Amino acid sequence: MSGPRNDIWAYCEDFVTEPAIIASAREVAVELGADPVSVGTGALLRSITAMRNAKAVVEIGTGAGVSGLWLLAGMNPRVRIALFTTLAL
């Protein structure tokens, strides 16, 4: 990407403030050598989960839990039934 597209991408990534618990999980992921989802991608996961009014979520990831925490953040706080399955490769 070049020019204005880089500016738009950077703006979208910096627009959302990452919750502290997810930032901590991100630090662990980096220490483990995993490549966690970006803040912008996480915010999108949270939004989709909230829009679908998800009552259950299955997540298969790297083991650090960054994307799973974003999904959990989008779930209805009164209905938190979630199954997080992690495969470490």
PDB file of N, CA and C in Angstrom:
ATOM      1  N   MET A   1       0.842  -1.174   0.000  1.00  0.00           N
ATOM      2  CA  MET A   1       0.000   0.000   0.000  1.00  0.00           C
ATOM      3  C   MET A   1       0.888   1.238   0.000  1.00  0.00           C
ATOM      4  N   SER A   2       0.338   2.304  -0.543  1.00  0.00           N
ATOM      5  CA  SER A   2       1.123   3.526  -0.581  1.00  0.00           C
ATOM      6  C   SER A   2       0.212   4.732  -0.410  1.00  0.00           C
ATOM      7  N   GLY A   3       0.810   5.835  -0.023  1.00  0.00           N
ATOM      8  CA  GLY A   3       0.108   7.111   0.040  1.00  0.00           C
ATOM      9  C   GLY A   3      -1.087   7.127   0.965  1.00  0.00           C
ATOM     10  N   PRO A   4      -2.226   7.627   0.448  1.00  0.00           N
ATOM     11  CA  PRO A   4      -3.419   7.813   1.279  1.00  0.00           C
ATOM     12  C   PRO A   4      -3.935   6.524   1.916  1.00  0.00           C
ATOM     13  N   ARG A   5      -3.727   5.393   1.238  1.00  0.00           N
ATOM     14  CA  ARG A   5      -4.205   4.123   1.805  1.00  0.00           C
ATOM     15  C   ARG A   5      -3.485   3.816   3.114  1.00  0.00           C
ATOM     16  N   ASN A   6      -2.190   4.096   3.184  1.00  0.00           N
ATOM     17  CA  ASN A   6      -1.446   3.897   4.429  1.00  0.00           C
ATOM     18  C   ASN A   6      -1.994   4.780   5.534  1.00  0.00           C
ATOM     19  N   ASP A   7      -2.329   6.021   5.193  1.00  0.00           N
ATOM     20  CA  ASP A   7      -2.867   6.954   6.176  1.00  0.00           C
ATOM     21  C   ASP A   7      -4.214   6.465   6.715  1.00  0.00           C
ATOM     22  N   ILE A   8      -5.067   5.972   5.821  1.00  0.00           N
ATOM     23  CA  ILE A   8      -6.377   5.467   6.232  1.00  0.00           C
ATOM     24  C   ILE A   8      -6.212   4.233   7.122  1.00  0.00           C
ATOM     25  N   TRP A   9      -5.331   3.329   6.717  1.00  0.00           N
ATOM     26  CA  TRP A   9      -5.081   2.116   7.502  1.00  0.00           C
ATOM     27  C   TRP A   9      -4.589   2.481   8.905  1.00  0.00           C
ATOM     28  N   ALA A  10      -3.624   3.380   8.979  1.00  0.00           N
ATOM     29  CA  ALA A  10      -3.071   3.798  10.271  1.00  0.00           C
ATOM     30  C   ALA A  10      -4.149   4.448  11.131  1.00  0.00           C
ATOM     31  N   TYR A  11      -4.994   5.266  10.524  1.00  0.00           N
ATOM     32  CA  TYR A  11      -6.072   5.914  11.272  1.00  0.00           C
ATOM     33  C   TYR A  11      -7.025   4.871  11.858  1.00  0.00           C
ATOM     34  N   CYS A  12      -7.408   3.890  11.056  1.00  0.00           N
ATOM     35  CA  CYS A  12      -8.332   2.849  11.527  1.00  0.00           C
ATOM     36  C   CYS A  12      -7.723   2.041  12.664  1.00  0.00           C
ATOM     37  N   GLU A  13      -6.447   1.728  12.568  1.00  0.00           N
ATOM     38  CA  GLU A  13      -5.781   0.954  13.617  1.00  0.00           C
ATOM     39  C   GLU A  13      -5.635   1.756  14.907  1.00  0.00           C
ATOM     40  N   ASP A  14      -5.426   3.058  14.793  1.00  0.00           N
ATOM     41  CA  ASP A  14      -5.208   3.895  15.965  1.00  0.00           C
ATOM     42  C   ASP A  14      -6.502   4.443  16.561  1.00  0.00           C
ATOM     43  N   PHE A  15      -7.619   4.297  15.858  1.00  0.00           N
ATOM     44  CA  PHE A  15      -8.892   4.872  16.289  1.00  0.00           C
ATOM     45  C   PHE A  15      -9.424   4.202  17.546  1.00  0.00           C
ATOM     46  N   VAL A  16      -9.248   2.906  17.655  1.00  0.00           N
ATOM     47  CA  VAL A  16      -9.794   2.118  18.760  1.00  0.00           C
ATOM     48  C   VAL A  16      -8.764   2.010  19.879  1.00  0.00           C
ATOM     49  N   THR A  17      -9.220   2.184  21.108  1.00  0.00           N
ATOM     50  CA  THR A  17      -8.356   1.975  22.270  1.00  0.00           C
ATOM     51  C   THR A  17      -8.522   0.531  22.723  1.00  0.00           C
ATOM     52  N   GLU A  18      -7.429  -0.184  22.798  1.00  0.00           N
ATOM     53  CA  GLU A  18      -7.467  -1.589  23.195  1.00  0.00           C
ATOM     54  C   GLU A  18      -7.609  -1.703  24.712  1.00  0.00           C
ATOM     55  N   PRO A  19      -8.565  -2.510  25.195  1.00  0.00           N
ATOM     56  CA  PRO A  19      -8.687  -2.715  26.637  1.00  0.00           C
ATOM     57  C   PRO A  19      -7.400  -3.296  27.229  1.00  0.00           C
ATOM     58  N   ALA A  20      -7.134  -2.975  28.482  1.00  0.00           N
ATOM     59  CA  ALA A  20      -5.885  -3.379  29.139  1.00  0.00           C
ATOM     60  C   ALA A  20      -5.689  -4.897  29.137  1.00  0.00           C
ATOM     61  N   ILE A  21      -6.745  -5.659  29.363  1.00  0.00           N
ATOM     62  CA  ILE A  21      -6.614  -7.115  29.422  1.00  0.00           C
ATOM     63  C   ILE A  21      -6.184  -7.664  28.059  1.00  0.00           C
ATOM     64  N   ILE A  22      -6.689  -7.068  26.985  1.00  0.00           N
ATOM     65  CA  ILE A  22      -6.314  -7.525  25.647  1.00  0.00           C
ATOM     66  C   ILE A  22      -4.892  -7.087  25.325  1.00  0.00           C
ATOM     67  N   ALA A  23      -4.514  -5.906  25.776  1.00  0.00           N
ATOM     68  CA  ALA A  23      -3.136  -5.445  25.575  1.00  0.00           C
ATOM     69  C   ALA A  23      -2.156  -6.374  26.283  1.00  0.00           C
ATOM     70  N   SER A  24      -2.531  -6.855  27.473  1.00  0.00           N
ATOM     71  CA  SER A  24      -1.680  -7.806  28.200  1.00  0.00           C
ATOM     72  C   SER A  24      -1.555  -9.116  27.434  1.00  0.00           C
ATOM     73  N   ALA A  25      -2.672  -9.603  26.895  1.00  0.00           N
ATOM     74  CA  ALA A  25      -2.645 -10.834  26.097  1.00  0.00           C
ATOM     75  C   ALA A  25      -1.785 -10.636  24.846  1.00  0.00           C
ATOM     76  N   ARG A  26      -1.840  -9.444  24.260  1.00  0.00           N
ATOM     77  CA  ARG A  26      -1.031  -9.148  23.077  1.00  0.00           C
ATOM     78  C   ARG A  26       0.458  -9.230  23.414  1.00  0.00           C
ATOM     79  N   GLU A  27       0.852  -8.703  24.577  1.00  0.00           N
ATOM     80  CA  GLU A  27       2.251  -8.769  25.009  1.00  0.00           C
ATOM     81  C   GLU A  27       2.708 -10.220  25.151  1.00  0.00           C
ATOM     82  N   VAL A  28       1.850 -11.059  25.733  1.00  0.00           N
ATOM     83  CA  VAL A  28       2.174 -12.478  25.874  1.00  0.00           C
ATOM     84  C   VAL A  28       2.321 -13.121  24.501  1.00  0.00           C
ATOM     85  N   ALA A  29       1.409 -12.789  23.584  1.00  0.00           N
ATOM     86  CA  ALA A  29       1.467 -13.350  22.235  1.00  0.00           C
ATOM     87  C   ALA A  29       2.793 -13.008  21.563  1.00  0.00           C
ATOM     88  N   VAL A  30       3.211 -11.763  21.696  1.00  0.00           N
ATOM     89  CA  VAL A  30       4.476 -11.346  21.078  1.00  0.00           C
ATOM     90  C   VAL A  30       5.643 -12.094  21.707  1.00  0.00           C
ATOM     91  N   GLU A  31       5.601 -12.272  23.037  1.00  0.00           N
ATOM     92  CA  GLU A  31       6.657 -13.029  23.723  1.00  0.00           C
ATOM     93  C   GLU A  31       6.705 -14.472  23.231  1.00  0.00           C
ATOM     94  N   LEU A  32       5.542 -15.035  22.911  1.00  0.00           N
ATOM     95  CA  LEU A  32       5.472 -16.412  22.424  1.00  0.00           C
ATOM     96  C   LEU A  32       5.826 -16.534  20.947  1.00  0.00           C
ATOM     97  N   GLY A  33       5.972 -15.394  20.287  1.00  0.00           N
ATOM     98  CA  GLY A  33       6.286 -15.410  18.856  1.00  0.00           C
ATOM     99  C   GLY A  33       5.059 -15.525  17.978  1.00  0.00           C
ATOM    100  N   ALA A  34       3.881 -15.333  18.552  1.00  0.00           N
ATOM    101  CA  ALA A  34       2.642 -15.393  17.781  1.00  0.00           C
ATOM    102  C   ALA A  34       2.383 -14.039  17.132  1.00  0.00           C
ATOM    103  N   ASP A  35       1.573 -14.032  16.118  1.00  0.00           N
ATOM    104  CA  ASP A  35       1.198 -12.806  15.421  1.00  0.00           C
ATOM    105  C   ASP A  35      -0.290 -12.560  15.685  1.00  0.00           C
ATOM    106  N   PRO A  36      -0.622 -11.837  16.770  1.00  0.00           N
ATOM    107  CA  PRO A  36      -2.029 -11.648  17.113  1.00  0.00           C
ATOM    108  C   PRO A  36      -2.747 -10.719  16.133  1.00  0.00           C
ATOM    109  N   VAL A  37      -4.065 -10.785  16.130  1.00  0.00           N
ATOM    110  CA  VAL A  37      -4.848  -9.885  15.282  1.00  0.00           C
ATOM    111  C   VAL A  37      -4.558  -8.447  15.673  1.00  0.00           C
ATOM    112  N   SER A  38      -4.674  -7.542  14.722  1.00  0.00           N
ATOM    113  CA  SER A  38      -4.440  -6.130  14.998  1.00  0.00           C
ATOM    114  C   SER A  38      -5.593  -5.562  15.821  1.00  0.00           C
ATOM    115  N   VAL A  39      -5.392  -4.385  16.359  1.00  0.00           N
ATOM    116  CA  VAL A  39      -6.430  -3.726  17.148  1.00  0.00           C
ATOM    117  C   VAL A  39      -7.665  -3.472  16.279  1.00  0.00           C
ATOM    118  N   GLY A  40      -7.456  -3.024  15.051  1.00  0.00           N
ATOM    119  CA  GLY A  40      -8.579  -2.784  14.148  1.00  0.00           C
ATOM    120  C   GLY A  40      -9.348  -4.046  13.816  1.00  0.00           C
ATOM    121  N   THR A  41      -8.634  -5.137  13.595  1.00  0.00           N
ATOM    122  CA  THR A  41      -9.284  -6.421  13.319  1.00  0.00           C
ATOM    123  C   THR A  41     -10.049  -6.897  14.551  1.00  0.00           C
ATOM    124  N   GLY A  42      -9.447  -6.731  15.722  1.00  0.00           N
ATOM    125  CA  GLY A  42     -10.125  -7.106  16.960  1.00  0.00           C
ATOM    126  C   GLY A  42     -11.410  -6.326  17.164  1.00  0.00           C
ATOM    127  N   ALA A  43     -11.361  -5.035  16.887  1.00  0.00           N
ATOM    128  CA  ALA A  43     -12.563  -4.206  17.018  1.00  0.00           C
ATOM    129  C   ALA A  43     -13.647  -4.668  16.050  1.00  0.00           C
ATOM    130  N   LEU A  44     -13.245  -5.093  14.858  1.00  0.00           N
ATOM    131  CA  LEU A  44     -14.211  -5.620  13.889  1.00  0.00           C
ATOM    132  C   LEU A  44     -14.823  -6.921  14.401  1.00  0.00           C
ATOM    133  N   LEU A  45     -14.000  -7.802  14.964  1.00  0.00           N
ATOM    134  CA  LEU A  45     -14.527  -9.045  15.546  1.00  0.00           C
ATOM    135  C   LEU A  45     -15.536  -8.746  16.647  1.00  0.00           C
ATOM    136  N   ARG A  46     -15.201  -7.785  17.505  1.00  0.00           N
ATOM    137  CA  ARG A  46     -16.107  -7.388  18.596  1.00  0.00           C
ATOM    138  C   ARG A  46     -17.419  -6.870  18.020  1.00  0.00           C
ATOM    139  N   SER A  47     -17.347  -6.037  16.986  1.00  0.00           N
ATOM    140  CA  SER A  47     -18.556  -5.460  16.381  1.00  0.00           C
ATOM    141  C   SER A  47     -19.439  -6.524  15.748  1.00  0.00           C
ATOM    142  N   ILE A  48     -18.828  -7.441  15.006  1.00  0.00           N
ATOM    143  CA  ILE A  48     -19.612  -8.503  14.363  1.00  0.00           C
ATOM    144  C   ILE A  48     -20.284  -9.370  15.407  1.00  0.00           C
ATOM    145  N   THR A  49     -19.559  -9.711  16.475  1.00  0.00           N
ATOM    146  CA  THR A  49     -20.133 -10.527  17.550  1.00  0.00           C
ATOM    147  C   THR A  49     -21.320  -9.814  18.184  1.00  0.00           C
ATOM    148  N   ALA A  50     -21.174  -8.514  18.424  1.00  0.00           N
ATOM    149  CA  ALA A  50     -22.259  -7.736  19.032  1.00  0.00           C
ATOM    150  C   ALA A  50     -23.456  -7.617  18.087  1.00  0.00           C
ATOM    151  N   MET A  51     -23.201  -7.373  16.803  1.00  0.00           N
ATOM    152  CA  MET A  51     -24.292  -7.241  15.832  1.00  0.00           C
ATOM    153  C   MET A  51     -25.074  -8.538  15.683  1.00  0.00           C
ATOM    154  N   ARG A  52     -24.377  -9.669  15.795  1.00  0.00           N
ATOM    155  CA  ARG A  52     -25.046 -10.975  15.675  1.00  0.00           C
ATOM    156  C   ARG A  52     -25.715 -11.384  16.981  1.00  0.00           C
ATOM    157  N   ASN A  53     -25.488 -10.611  18.045  1.00  0.00           N
ATOM    158  CA  ASN A  53     -26.005 -10.946  19.372  1.00  0.00           C
ATOM    159  C   ASN A  53     -25.628 -12.383  19.732  1.00  0.00           C
ATOM    160  N   ALA A  54     -24.345 -12.685  19.530  1.00  0.00           N
ATOM    161  CA  ALA A  54     -23.837 -14.043  19.710  1.00  0.00           C
ATOM    162  C   ALA A  54     -24.012 -14.526  21.143  1.00  0.00           C
ATOM    163  N   LYS A  55     -24.511 -15.731  21.268  1.00  0.00           N
ATOM    164  CA  LYS A  55     -24.669 -16.357  22.576  1.00  0.00           C
ATOM    165  C   LYS A  55     -23.611 -17.427  22.819  1.00  0.00           C
ATOM    166  N   ALA A  56     -22.928 -17.827  21.761  1.00  0.00           N
ATOM    167  CA  ALA A  56     -21.838 -18.795  21.865  1.00  0.00           C
ATOM    168  C   ALA A  56     -20.805 -18.463  20.791  1.00  0.00           C
ATOM    169  N   VAL A  57     -19.554 -18.658  21.151  1.00  0.00           N
ATOM    170  CA  VAL A  57     -18.449 -18.367  20.224  1.00  0.00           C
ATOM    171  C   VAL A  57     -17.429 -19.488  20.320  1.00  0.00           C
ATOM    172  N   VAL A  58     -16.963 -19.952  19.187  1.00  0.00           N
ATOM    173  CA  VAL A  58     -15.875 -20.919  19.144  1.00  0.00           C
ATOM    174  C   VAL A  58     -14.705 -20.233  18.458  1.00  0.00           C
ATOM    175  N   GLU A  59     -13.543 -20.265  19.094  1.00  0.00           N
ATOM    176  CA  GLU A  59     -12.366 -19.604  18.555  1.00  0.00           C
ATOM    177  C   GLU A  59     -11.203 -20.573  18.572  1.00  0.00           C
ATOM    178  N   ILE A  60     -10.545 -20.699  17.445  1.00  0.00           N
ATOM    179  CA  ILE A  60      -9.348 -21.532  17.353  1.00  0.00           C
ATOM    180  C   ILE A  60      -8.205 -20.597  17.017  1.00  0.00           C
ATOM    181  N   GLY A  61      -7.214 -20.534  17.891  1.00  0.00           N
ATOM    182  CA  GLY A  61      -6.145 -19.556  17.685  1.00  0.00           C
ATOM    183  C   GLY A  61      -4.787 -20.073  18.083  1.00  0.00           C
ATOM    184  N   THR A  62      -3.912 -19.119  18.405  1.00  0.00           N
ATOM    185  CA  THR A  62      -2.515 -19.431  18.687  1.00  0.00           C
ATOM    186  C   THR A  62      -2.251 -19.796  20.138  1.00  0.00           C
ATOM    187  N   GLY A  63      -3.181 -19.500  21.021  1.00  0.00           N
ATOM    188  CA  GLY A  63      -2.977 -19.812  22.427  1.00  0.00           C
ATOM    189  C   GLY A  63      -2.793 -18.599  23.303  1.00  0.00           C
ATOM    190  N   ALA A  64      -2.698 -17.404  22.716  1.00  0.00           N
ATOM    191  CA  ALA A  64      -2.520 -16.194  23.516  1.00  0.00           C
ATOM    192  C   ALA A  64      -3.863 -15.555  23.862  1.00  0.00           C
ATOM    193  N   GLY A  65      -4.901 -15.806  23.091  1.00  0.00           N
ATOM    194  CA  GLY A  65      -6.248 -15.369  23.433  1.00  0.00           C
ATOM    195  C   GLY A  65      -6.646 -13.973  23.000  1.00  0.00           C
ATOM    196  N   VAL A  66      -5.856 -13.311  22.180  1.00  0.00           N
ATOM    197  CA  VAL A  66      -6.174 -11.937  21.792  1.00  0.00           C
ATOM    198  C   VAL A  66      -7.500 -11.878  21.037  1.00  0.00           C
ATOM    199  N   SER A  67      -7.649 -12.666  19.990  1.00  0.00           N
ATOM    200  CA  SER A  67      -8.893 -12.628  19.214  1.00  0.00           C
ATOM    201  C   SER A  67     -10.071 -13.141  20.047  1.00  0.00           C
ATOM    202  N   GLY A  68      -9.838 -14.133  20.884  1.00  0.00           N
ATOM    203  CA  GLY A  68     -10.900 -14.636  21.746  1.00  0.00           C
ATOM    204  C   GLY A  68     -11.417 -13.586  22.711  1.00  0.00           C
ATOM    205  N   LEU A  69     -10.528 -12.784  23.252  1.00  0.00           N
ATOM    206  CA  LEU A  69     -10.948 -11.711  24.162  1.00  0.00           C
ATOM    207  C   LEU A  69     -11.747 -10.642  23.430  1.00  0.00           C
ATOM    208  N   TRP A  70     -11.355 -10.335  22.195  1.00  0.00           N
ATOM    209  CA  TRP A  70     -12.143  -9.383  21.414  1.00  0.00           C
ATOM    210  C   TRP A  70     -13.546  -9.935  21.150  1.00  0.00           C
ATOM    211  N   LEU A  71     -13.642 -11.236  20.817  1.00  0.00           N
ATOM    212  CA  LEU A  71     -14.955 -11.848  20.595  1.00  0.00           C
ATOM    213  C   LEU A  71     -15.793 -11.816  21.863  1.00  0.00           C
ATOM    214  N   LEU A  72     -15.177 -12.138  22.974  1.00  0.00           N
ATOM    215  CA  LEU A  72     -15.879 -12.133  24.255  1.00  0.00           C
ATOM    216  C   LEU A  72     -16.375 -10.728  24.592  1.00  0.00           C
ATOM    217  N   ALA A  73     -15.595  -9.709  24.261  1.00  0.00           N
ATOM    218  CA  ALA A  73     -15.988  -8.325  24.536  1.00  0.00           C
ATOM    219  C   ALA A  73     -17.248  -7.927  23.766  1.00  0.00           C
ATOM    220  N   GLY A  74     -17.504  -8.589  22.640  1.00  0.00           N
ATOM    221  CA  GLY A  74     -18.684  -8.269  21.849  1.00  0.00           C
ATOM    222  C   GLY A  74     -19.933  -9.023  22.252  1.00  0.00           C
ATOM    223  N   MET A  75     -19.780 -10.005  23.126  1.00  0.00           N
ATOM    224  CA  MET A  75     -20.942 -10.804  23.528  1.00  0.00           C
ATOM    225  C   MET A  75     -21.815 -10.048  24.520  1.00  0.00           C
ATOM    226  N   ASN A  76     -23.085 -10.380  24.527  1.00  0.00           N
ATOM    227  CA  ASN A  76     -24.035  -9.789  25.456  1.00  0.00           C
ATOM    228  C   ASN A  76     -23.574 -10.082  26.887  1.00  0.00           C
ATOM    229  N   PRO A  77     -23.390  -9.057  27.720  1.00  0.00           N
ATOM    230  CA  PRO A  77     -22.873  -9.294  29.076  1.00  0.00           C
ATOM    231  C   PRO A  77     -23.777 -10.170  29.941  1.00  0.00           C
ATOM    232  N   ARG A  78     -25.059 -10.281  29.585  1.00  0.00           N
ATOM    233  CA  ARG A  78     -25.969 -11.125  30.367  1.00  0.00           C
ATOM    234  C   ARG A  78     -25.925 -12.582  29.923  1.00  0.00           C
ATOM    235  N   VAL A  79     -25.375 -12.852  28.740  1.00  0.00           N
ATOM    236  CA  VAL A  79     -25.301 -14.213  28.216  1.00  0.00           C
ATOM    237  C   VAL A  79     -23.862 -14.464  27.785  1.00  0.00           C
ATOM    238  N   ARG A  80     -23.078 -15.053  28.649  1.00  0.00           N
ATOM    239  CA  ARG A  80     -21.672 -15.309  28.315  1.00  0.00           C
ATOM    240  C   ARG A  80     -21.396 -16.803  28.369  1.00  0.00           C
ATOM    241  N   ILE A  81     -21.831 -17.480  27.342  1.00  0.00           N
ATOM    242  CA  ILE A  81     -21.534 -18.887  27.181  1.00  0.00           C
ATOM    243  C   ILE A  81     -20.552 -18.972  26.016  1.00  0.00           C
ATOM    244  N   ALA A  82     -19.331 -19.284  26.311  1.00  0.00           N
ATOM    245  CA  ALA A  82     -18.339 -19.283  25.240  1.00  0.00           C
ATOM    246  C   ALA A  82     -17.456 -20.522  25.356  1.00  0.00           C
ATOM    247  N   LEU A  83     -17.059 -21.025  24.227  1.00  0.00           N
ATOM    248  CA  LEU A  83     -16.118 -22.130  24.166  1.00  0.00           C
ATOM    249  C   LEU A  83     -14.933 -21.648  23.343  1.00  0.00           C
ATOM    250  N   PHE A  84     -13.780 -21.595  23.975  1.00  0.00           N
ATOM    251  CA  PHE A  84     -12.579 -21.176  23.278  1.00  0.00           C
ATOM    252  C   PHE A  84     -11.667 -22.372  23.142  1.00  0.00           C
ATOM    253  N   THR A  85     -11.439 -22.810  21.953  1.00  0.00           N
ATOM    254  CA  THR A  85     -10.563 -23.936  21.682  1.00  0.00           C
ATOM    255  C   THR A  85      -9.292 -23.413  21.053  1.00  0.00           C
ATOM    256  N   THR A  86      -8.150 -23.774  21.616  1.00  0.00           N
ATOM    257  CA  THR A  86      -6.884 -23.266  21.099  1.00  0.00           C
ATOM    258  C   THR A  86      -6.022 -24.414  20.615  1.00  0.00           C
ATOM    259  N   LEU A  87      -5.520 -24.299  19.415  1.00  0.00           N
ATOM    260  CA  LEU A  87      -4.572 -25.262  18.880  1.00  0.00           C
ATOM    261  C   LEU A  87      -3.222 -24.588  18.805  1.00  0.00           C
ATOM    262  N   ALA A  88      -2.217 -25.169  19.429  1.00  0.00           N
ATOM    263  CA  ALA A  88      -0.859 -24.627  19.343  1.00  0.00           C
ATOM    264  C   ALA A  88      -0.097 -25.463  18.315  1.00  0.00           C
ATOM    265  N   LEU A  89       0.338 -24.822  17.279  1.00  0.00           N
ATOM    266  CA  LEU A  89       1.060 -25.540  16.221  1.00  0.00           C
ATOM    267  C   LEU A  89       2.544 -25.396  16.372  1.00  0.00           C
TER     268      LEU A  89
END
